[in-house]
PDB file of N, CA and C in Angstrom:
ATOM      1  N   MET A   1      50.395  32.623 -37.568  1.00  0.00           N
ATOM      2  CA  MET A   1      51.088  33.558 -36.725  1.00  0.00           C
ATOM      3  C   MET A   1      51.509  32.862 -35.436  1.00  0.00           C
ATOM      4  N   GLU A   2      50.605  32.336 -34.654  1.00  0.00           N
ATOM      5  CA  GLU A   2      50.984  31.771 -33.368  1.00  0.00           C
ATOM      6  C   GLU A   2      51.283  30.284 -33.457  1.00  0.00           C
ATOM      7  N   TRP A   3      51.066  29.644 -34.556  1.00  0.00           N
ATOM      8  CA  TRP A   3      51.399  28.224 -34.638  1.00  0.00           C
ATOM      9  C   TRP A   3      52.907  28.020 -34.665  1.00  0.00           C
ATOM     10  N   SER A   4      53.674  29.019 -35.101  1.00  0.00           N
ATOM     11  CA  SER A   4      55.127  28.830 -35.210  1.00  0.00           C
ATOM     12  C   SER A   4      55.812  28.574 -33.867  1.00  0.00           C
ATOM     13  N   PRO A   5      55.513  29.322 -32.774  1.00  0.00           N
ATOM     14  CA  PRO A   5      56.151  28.967 -31.495  1.00  0.00           C
ATOM     15  C   PRO A   5      55.761  27.570 -31.019  1.00  0.00           C
ATOM     16  N   ALA A   6      54.535  27.145 -31.330  1.00  0.00           N
ATOM     17  CA  ALA A   6      54.116  25.801 -30.938  1.00  0.00           C
ATOM     18  C   ALA A   6      54.950  24.758 -31.671  1.00  0.00           C
ATOM     19  N   VAL A   7      55.151  24.947 -32.962  1.00  0.00           N
ATOM     20  CA  VAL A   7      55.941  23.997 -33.752  1.00  0.00           C
ATOM     21  C   VAL A   7      57.405  24.037 -33.319  1.00  0.00           C
ATOM     22  N   ILE A   8      57.967  25.221 -33.139  1.00  0.00           N
ATOM     23  CA  ILE A   8      59.366  25.356 -32.717  1.00  0.00           C
ATOM     24  C   ILE A   8      59.571  24.706 -31.354  1.00  0.00           C
ATOM     25  N   SER A   9      58.643  24.919 -30.451  1.00  0.00           N
ATOM     26  CA  SER A   9      58.741  24.343 -29.117  1.00  0.00           C
ATOM     27  C   SER A   9      58.763  22.824 -29.172  1.00  0.00           C
ATOM     28  N   GLU A  10      57.973  22.235 -30.028  1.00  0.00           N
ATOM     29  CA  GLU A  10      57.871  20.780 -30.106  1.00  0.00           C
ATOM     30  C   GLU A  10      59.020  20.127 -30.859  1.00  0.00           C
ATOM     31  N   THR A  11      59.844  20.891 -31.585  1.00  0.00           N
ATOM     32  CA  THR A  11      60.993  20.308 -32.278  1.00  0.00           C
ATOM     33  C   THR A  11      62.155  20.045 -31.335  1.00  0.00           C
ATOM     34  N   GLY A  12      62.090  20.624 -30.141  1.00  0.00           N
ATOM     35  CA  GLY A  12      63.156  20.431 -29.175  1.00  0.00           C
ATOM     36  C   GLY A  12      64.338  21.362 -29.392  1.00  0.00           C
ATOM     37  N   LEU A  13      64.189  22.373 -30.241  1.00  0.00           N
ATOM     38  CA  LEU A  13      65.274  23.313 -30.501  1.00  0.00           C
ATOM     39  C   LEU A  13      65.367  24.401 -29.445  1.00  0.00           C
ATOM     40  N   GLY A  14      64.410  24.454 -28.565  1.00  0.00           N
ATOM     41  CA  GLY A  14      64.407  25.462 -27.517  1.00  0.00           C
ATOM     42  C   GLY A  14      63.617  26.685 -27.932  1.00  0.00           C
ATOM     43  N   PRO A  15      62.979  27.319 -26.968  1.00  0.00           N
ATOM     44  CA  PRO A  15      62.172  28.496 -27.283  1.00  0.00           C
ATOM     45  C   PRO A  15      63.023  29.753 -27.376  1.00  0.00           C
ATOM     46  N   GLY A  16      62.465  30.766 -28.008  1.00  0.00           N
ATOM     47  CA  GLY A  16      63.090  32.087 -28.010  1.00  0.00           C
ATOM     48  C   GLY A  16      62.866  32.737 -26.659  1.00  0.00           C
ATOM     49  N   PRO A  17      63.371  33.946 -26.462  1.00  0.00           N
ATOM     50  CA  PRO A  17      63.270  34.572 -25.138  1.00  0.00           C
ATOM     51  C   PRO A  17      61.831  34.811 -24.676  1.00  0.00           C
ATOM     52  N   ARG A  18      60.975  35.312 -25.559  1.00  0.00           N
ATOM     53  CA  ARG A  18      59.584  35.555 -25.141  1.00  0.00           C
ATOM     54  C   ARG A  18      58.842  34.243 -24.969  1.00  0.00           C
ATOM     55  N   ASP A  19      59.110  33.275 -25.843  1.00  0.00           N
ATOM     56  CA  ASP A  19      58.462  31.970 -25.707  1.00  0.00           C
ATOM     57  C   ASP A  19      58.922  31.270 -24.432  1.00  0.00           C
ATOM     58  N   GLY A  20      60.211  31.392 -24.116  1.00  0.00           N
ATOM     59  CA  GLY A  20      60.728  30.788 -22.892  1.00  0.00           C
ATOM     60  C   GLY A  20      60.089  31.377 -21.651  1.00  0.00           C
ATOM     61  N   LEU A  21      59.941  32.686 -21.642  1.00  0.00           N
ATOM     62  CA  LEU A  21      59.280  33.348 -20.522  1.00  0.00           C
ATOM     63  C   LEU A  21      57.830  32.883 -20.417  1.00  0.00           C
ATOM     64  N   MET A  22      57.140  32.798 -21.562  1.00  0.00           N
ATOM     65  CA  MET A  22      55.749  32.357 -21.589  1.00  0.00           C
ATOM     66  C   MET A  22      55.626  30.932 -21.035  1.00  0.00           C
ATOM     67  N   VAL A  23      56.462  30.023 -21.521  1.00  0.00           N
ATOM     68  CA  VAL A  23      56.394  28.624 -21.096  1.00  0.00           C
ATOM     69  C   VAL A  23      56.720  28.503 -19.613  1.00  0.00           C
ATOM     70  N   GLY A  24      57.750  29.224 -19.158  1.00  0.00           N
ATOM     71  CA  GLY A  24      58.144  29.151 -17.754  1.00  0.00           C
ATOM     72  C   GLY A  24      57.063  29.643 -16.801  1.00  0.00           C
ATOM     73  N   LEU A  25      56.452  30.776 -17.140  1.00  0.00           N
ATOM     74  CA  LEU A  25      55.402  31.314 -16.271  1.00  0.00           C
ATOM     75  C   LEU A  25      54.126  30.478 -16.345  1.00  0.00           C
ATOM     76  N   ALA A  26      53.803  29.967 -17.526  1.00  0.00           N
ATOM     77  CA  ALA A  26      52.612  29.116 -17.661  1.00  0.00           C
ATOM     78  C   ALA A  26      52.807  27.798 -16.904  1.00  0.00           C
ATOM     79  N   ALA A  27      54.037  27.305 -16.851  1.00  0.00           N
ATOM     80  CA  ALA A  27      54.317  26.060 -16.113  1.00  0.00           C
ATOM     81  C   ALA A  27      54.108  26.236 -14.614  1.00  0.00           C
ATOM     82  N   ARG A  28      54.123  27.469 -14.147  1.00  0.00           N
ATOM     83  CA  ARG A  28      53.880  27.746 -12.729  1.00  0.00           C
ATOM     84  C   ARG A  28      52.400  27.901 -12.412  1.00  0.00           C
ATOM     85  N   GLY A  29      51.554  27.631 -13.415  1.00  0.00           N
ATOM     86  CA  GLY A  29      50.121  27.648 -13.173  1.00  0.00           C
ATOM     87  C   GLY A  29      49.401  28.886 -13.670  1.00  0.00           C
ATOM     88  N   LEU A  30      50.132  29.839 -14.231  1.00  0.00           N
ATOM     89  CA  LEU A  30      49.481  31.036 -14.760  1.00  0.00           C
ATOM     90  C   LEU A  30      48.854  30.727 -16.115  1.00  0.00           C
ATOM     91  N   SER A  31      47.825  31.459 -16.466  1.00  0.00           N
ATOM     92  CA  SER A  31      47.149  31.274 -17.746  1.00  0.00           C
ATOM     93  C   SER A  31      48.096  31.593 -18.899  1.00  0.00           C
ATOM     94  N   LEU A  32      48.206  30.676 -19.844  1.00  0.00           N
ATOM     95  CA  LEU A  32      49.035  30.884 -21.023  1.00  0.00           C
ATOM     96  C   LEU A  32      48.603  32.140 -21.759  1.00  0.00           C
ATOM     97  N   ARG A  33      47.299  32.321 -21.885  1.00  0.00           N
ATOM     98  CA  ARG A  33      46.748  33.494 -22.571  1.00  0.00           C
ATOM     99  C   ARG A  33      47.178  34.781 -21.874  1.00  0.00           C
ATOM    100  N   LEU A  34      47.039  34.814 -20.560  1.00  0.00           N
ATOM    101  CA  LEU A  34      47.393  36.006 -19.788  1.00  0.00           C
ATOM    102  C   LEU A  34      48.889  36.293 -19.865  1.00  0.00           C
ATOM    103  N   VAL A  35      49.705  35.253 -19.720  1.00  0.00           N
ATOM    104  CA  VAL A  35      51.159  35.427 -19.738  1.00  0.00           C
ATOM    105  C   VAL A  35      51.617  35.944 -21.095  1.00  0.00           C
ATOM    106  N   ARG A  36      51.186  35.300 -22.187  1.00  0.00           N
ATOM    107  CA  ARG A  36      51.658  35.705 -23.512  1.00  0.00           C
ATOM    108  C   ARG A  36      51.180  37.109 -23.864  1.00  0.00           C
ATOM    109  N   THR A  37      49.923  37.412 -23.540  1.00  0.00           N
ATOM    110  CA  THR A  37      49.414  38.752 -23.826  1.00  0.00           C
ATOM    111  C   THR A  37      50.178  39.801 -23.021  1.00  0.00           C
ATOM    112  N   THR A  38      50.463  39.517 -21.755  1.00  0.00           N
ATOM    113  CA  THR A  38      51.214  40.450 -20.916  1.00  0.00           C
ATOM    114  C   THR A  38      52.618  40.682 -21.466  1.00  0.00           C
ATOM    115  N   VAL A  39      53.277  39.622 -21.889  1.00  0.00           N
ATOM    116  CA  VAL A  39      54.619  39.755 -22.473  1.00  0.00           C
ATOM    117  C   VAL A  39      54.561  40.637 -23.715  1.00  0.00           C
ATOM    118  N   GLU A  40      53.610  40.369 -24.607  1.00  0.00           N
ATOM    119  CA  GLU A  40      53.534  41.126 -25.853  1.00  0.00           C
ATOM    120  C   GLU A  40      53.133  42.585 -25.622  1.00  0.00           C
ATOM    121  N   VAL A  41      52.226  42.836 -24.690  1.00  0.00           N
ATOM    122  CA  VAL A  41      51.837  44.216 -24.394  1.00  0.00           C
ATOM    123  C   VAL A  41      53.010  44.965 -23.764  1.00  0.00           C
ATOM    124  N   THR A  42      53.807  44.277 -22.945  1.00  0.00           N
ATOM    125  CA  THR A  42      54.999  44.903 -22.374  1.00  0.00           C
ATOM    126  C   THR A  42      55.974  45.307 -23.478  1.00  0.00           C
ATOM    127  N   VAL A  43      56.172  44.427 -24.450  1.00  0.00           N
ATOM    128  CA  VAL A  43      57.037  44.750 -25.590  1.00  0.00           C
ATOM    129  C   VAL A  43      56.435  45.903 -26.389  1.00  0.00           C
ATOM    130  N   LEU A  44      55.128  45.892 -26.548  1.00  0.00           N
ATOM    131  CA  LEU A  44      54.435  46.967 -27.258  1.00  0.00           C
ATOM    132  C   LEU A  44      54.672  48.309 -26.576  1.00  0.00           C
ATOM    133  N   VAL A  45      54.515  48.349 -25.261  1.00  0.00           N
ATOM    134  CA  VAL A  45      54.696  49.595 -24.512  1.00  0.00           C
ATOM    135  C   VAL A  45      56.153  50.053 -24.602  1.00  0.00           C
ATOM    136  N   ALA A  46      57.086  49.101 -24.520  1.00  0.00           N
ATOM    137  CA  ALA A  46      58.508  49.450 -24.583  1.00  0.00           C
ATOM    138  C   ALA A  46      58.878  50.057 -25.939  1.00  0.00           C
ATOM    139  N   GLY A  47      58.218  49.643 -26.996  1.00  0.00           N
ATOM    140  CA  GLY A  47      58.528  50.161 -28.324  1.00  0.00           C
ATOM    141  C   GLY A  47      57.438  51.061 -28.883  1.00  0.00           C
ATOM    142  N   TRP A  48      56.732  51.764 -28.022  1.00  0.00           N
ATOM    143  CA  TRP A  48      55.548  52.538 -28.414  1.00  0.00           C
ATOM    144  C   TRP A  48      55.805  53.522 -29.559  1.00  0.00           C
ATOM    145  N   VAL A  49      56.986  54.044 -29.670  1.00  0.00           N
ATOM    146  CA  VAL A  49      57.287  55.033 -30.704  1.00  0.00           C
ATOM    147  C   VAL A  49      57.063  54.471 -32.102  1.00  0.00           C
ATOM    148  N   ASN A  50      57.346  53.199 -32.304  1.00  0.00           N
ATOM    149  CA  ASN A  50      57.250  52.581 -33.632  1.00  0.00           C
ATOM    150  C   ASN A  50      56.006  51.717 -33.808  1.00  0.00           C
ATOM    151  N   VAL A  51      54.962  51.975 -33.053  1.00  0.00           N
ATOM    152  CA  VAL A  51      53.774  51.126 -33.089  1.00  0.00           C
ATOM    153  C   VAL A  51      52.869  51.492 -34.257  1.00  0.00           C
ATOM    154  N   GLY A  52      52.452  50.458 -34.951  1.00  0.00           N
ATOM    155  CA  GLY A  52      51.433  50.608 -35.981  1.00  0.00           C
ATOM    156  C   GLY A  52      50.235  49.744 -35.614  1.00  0.00           C
ATOM    157  N   TRP A  53      49.207  49.770 -36.439  1.00  0.00           N
ATOM    158  CA  TRP A  53      48.008  48.980 -36.163  1.00  0.00           C
ATOM    159  C   TRP A  53      48.306  47.488 -36.136  1.00  0.00           C
ATOM    160  N   GLY A  54      49.221  47.031 -36.979  1.00  0.00           N
ATOM    161  CA  GLY A  54      49.584  45.612 -37.002  1.00  0.00           C
ATOM    162  C   GLY A  54      50.232  45.166 -35.707  1.00  0.00           C
ATOM    163  N   THR A  55      51.094  46.014 -35.157  1.00  0.00           N
ATOM    164  CA  THR A  55      51.751  45.704 -33.888  1.00  0.00           C
ATOM    165  C   THR A  55      50.733  45.620 -32.760  1.00  0.00           C
ATOM    166  N   LEU A  56      49.806  46.551 -32.748  1.00  0.00           N
ATOM    167  CA  LEU A  56      48.760  46.549 -31.731  1.00  0.00           C
ATOM    168  C   LEU A  56      47.891  45.298 -31.852  1.00  0.00           C
ATOM    169  N   LEU A  57      47.497  44.950 -33.072  1.00  0.00           N
ATOM    170  CA  LEU A  57      46.688  43.746 -33.306  1.00  0.00           C
ATOM    171  C   LEU A  57      47.438  42.497 -32.850  1.00  0.00           C
ATOM    172  N   TYR A  58      48.717  42.410 -33.192  1.00  0.00           N
ATOM    173  CA  TYR A  58      49.528  41.256 -32.800  1.00  0.00           C
ATOM    174  C   TYR A  58      49.621  41.142 -31.284  1.00  0.00           C
ATOM    175  N   ALA A  59      49.914  42.254 -30.615  1.00  0.00           N
ATOM    176  CA  ALA A  59      50.077  42.235 -29.157  1.00  0.00           C
ATOM    177  C   ALA A  59      48.810  41.776 -28.448  1.00  0.00           C
ATOM    178  N   LEU A  60      47.656  42.157 -28.969  1.00  0.00           N
ATOM    179  CA  LEU A  60      46.394  41.806 -28.307  1.00  0.00           C
ATOM    180  C   LEU A  60      45.878  40.423 -28.692  1.00  0.00           C
ATOM    181  N   SER A  61      46.321  39.884 -29.823  1.00  0.00           N
ATOM    182  CA  SER A  61      45.787  38.593 -30.265  1.00  0.00           C
ATOM    183  C   SER A  61      46.715  37.419 -29.988  1.00  0.00           C
ATOM    184  N   ILE A  62      47.989  37.658 -29.683  1.00  0.00           N
ATOM    185  CA  ILE A  62      48.949  36.570 -29.553  1.00  0.00           C
ATOM    186  C   ILE A  62      48.640  35.650 -28.369  1.00  0.00           C
ATOM    187  N   GLY A  63      48.190  36.188 -27.255  1.00  0.00           N
ATOM    188  CA  GLY A  63      47.875  35.355 -26.089  1.00  0.00           C
ATOM    189  C   GLY A  63      46.752  34.370 -26.357  1.00  0.00           C
ATOM    190  N   PRO A  64      45.588  34.860 -26.830  1.00  0.00           N
ATOM    191  CA  PRO A  64      44.505  33.926 -27.140  1.00  0.00           C
ATOM    192  C   PRO A  64      44.888  32.916 -28.227  1.00  0.00           C
ATOM    193  N   LEU A  65      45.663  33.335 -29.224  1.00  0.00           N
ATOM    194  CA  LEU A  65      46.067  32.407 -30.281  1.00  0.00           C
ATOM    195  C   LEU A  65      47.043  31.355 -29.758  1.00  0.00           C
ATOM    196  N   ALA A  66      47.942  31.748 -28.841  1.00  0.00           N
ATOM    197  CA  ALA A  66      48.846  30.774 -28.226  1.00  0.00           C
ATOM    198  C   ALA A  66      48.045  29.740 -27.436  1.00  0.00           C
ATOM    199  N   GLN A  67      47.023  30.188 -26.735  1.00  0.00           N
ATOM    200  CA  GLN A  67      46.167  29.293 -25.952  1.00  0.00           C
ATOM    201  C   GLN A  67      45.499  28.256 -26.853  1.00  0.00           C
ATOM    202  N   ILE A  68      45.146  28.656 -28.056  1.00  0.00           N
ATOM    203  CA  ILE A  68      44.479  27.750 -28.999  1.00  0.00           C
ATOM    204  C   ILE A  68      45.473  26.793 -29.658  1.00  0.00           C
ATOM    205  N   PHE A  69      46.589  27.328 -30.185  1.00  0.00           N
ATOM    206  CA  PHE A  69      47.446  26.526 -31.046  1.00  0.00           C
ATOM    207  C   PHE A  69      48.479  25.672 -30.324  1.00  0.00           C
ATOM    208  N   ILE A  70      49.015  26.096 -29.208  1.00  0.00           N
ATOM    209  CA  ILE A  70      50.056  25.300 -28.553  1.00  0.00           C
ATOM    210  C   ILE A  70      49.551  23.915 -28.146  1.00  0.00           C
ATOM    211  N   PRO A  71      48.374  23.773 -27.540  1.00  0.00           N
ATOM    212  CA  PRO A  71      47.906  22.417 -27.240  1.00  0.00           C
ATOM    213  C   PRO A  71      47.669  21.568 -28.498  1.00  0.00           C
ATOM    214  N   ARG A  72      47.310  22.189 -29.592  1.00  0.00           N
ATOM    215  CA  ARG A  72      47.058  21.434 -30.826  1.00  0.00           C
ATOM    216  C   ARG A  72      48.331  20.897 -31.459  1.00  0.00           C
ATOM    217  N   PHE A  73      49.468  21.537 -31.200  1.00  0.00           N
ATOM    218  CA  PHE A  73      50.728  21.097 -31.774  1.00  0.00           C
ATOM    219  C   PHE A  73      51.598  20.343 -30.777  1.00  0.00           C
ATOM    220  N   THR A  74      51.129  20.152 -29.562  1.00  0.00           N
ATOM    221  CA  THR A  74      51.902  19.451 -28.554  1.00  0.00           C
ATOM    222  C   THR A  74      51.947  17.967 -28.874  1.00  0.00           C
ATOM    223  N   LEU A  75      53.138  17.417 -28.874  1.00  0.00           N
ATOM    224  CA  LEU A  75      53.330  16.000 -29.159  1.00  0.00           C
ATOM    225  C   LEU A  75      53.383  15.227 -27.851  1.00  0.00           C
ATOM    226  N   PRO A  76      52.963  13.950 -27.888  1.00  0.00           N
ATOM    227  CA  PRO A  76      53.096  13.148 -26.676  1.00  0.00           C
ATOM    228  C   PRO A  76      54.570  12.895 -26.379  1.00  0.00           C
ATOM    229  N   PRO A  77      54.920  12.633 -25.126  1.00  0.00           N
ATOM    230  CA  PRO A  77      56.321  12.371 -24.786  1.00  0.00           C
ATOM    231  C   PRO A  77      56.855  11.173 -25.574  1.00  0.00           C
ATOM    232  N   ARG A  78      58.125  11.257 -25.945  1.00  0.00           N
ATOM    233  CA  ARG A  78      58.751  10.152 -26.693  1.00  0.00           C
ATOM    234  C   ARG A  78      58.972   8.957 -25.777  1.00  0.00           C
ATOM    235  N   GLN A  79      58.766   7.779 -26.335  1.00  0.00           N
ATOM    236  CA  GLN A  79      59.049   6.545 -25.617  1.00  0.00           C
ATOM    237  C   GLN A  79      60.476   6.147 -25.922  1.00  0.00           C
ATOM    238  N   ASN A  80      61.238   5.774 -24.922  1.00  0.00           N
ATOM    239  CA  ASN A  80      62.608   5.331 -25.124  1.00  0.00           C
ATOM    240  C   ASN A  80      62.559   3.886 -25.606  1.00  0.00           C
ATOM    241  N   THR A  81      62.955   3.664 -26.859  1.00  0.00           N
ATOM    242  CA  THR A  81      62.879   2.315 -27.436  1.00  0.00           C
ATOM    243  C   THR A  81      64.206   1.583 -27.373  1.00  0.00           C
ATOM    244  N   GLU A  82      65.252   2.239 -26.864  1.00  0.00           N
ATOM    245  CA  GLU A  82      66.569   1.603 -26.778  1.00  0.00           C
ATOM    246  C   GLU A  82      66.606   0.643 -25.587  1.00  0.00           C
ATOM    247  N   ALA A  83      67.129  -0.552 -25.838  1.00  0.00           N
ATOM    248  CA  ALA A  83      67.294  -1.534 -24.744  1.00  0.00           C
ATOM    249  C   ALA A  83      68.636  -1.282 -24.070  1.00  0.00           C
ATOM    250  N   SER A  84      68.671  -1.393 -22.758  1.00  0.00           N
ATOM    251  CA  SER A  84      69.926  -1.157 -22.028  1.00  0.00           C
ATOM    252  C   SER A  84      70.814  -2.363 -22.068  1.00  0.00           C
TER     253      SER A  84
END
């Protein structure tokens, strides 16, 4: 579930809107777990009419799972091997 944003982020294709917000706020020193959970709970509240148990579970678990999986899928910076 949460490994996909980590993999997408590391491919260099750019994050989606929620992932971009998460990465931007976490880069400012906020907890990745807190930021992602807050984003997902905000989306949950905005769409409350269509909420099921799966949506609630996802909203509450995505922050902690992002905290676990994103560092595990982070690649080291690329070395420029081209000679000038």
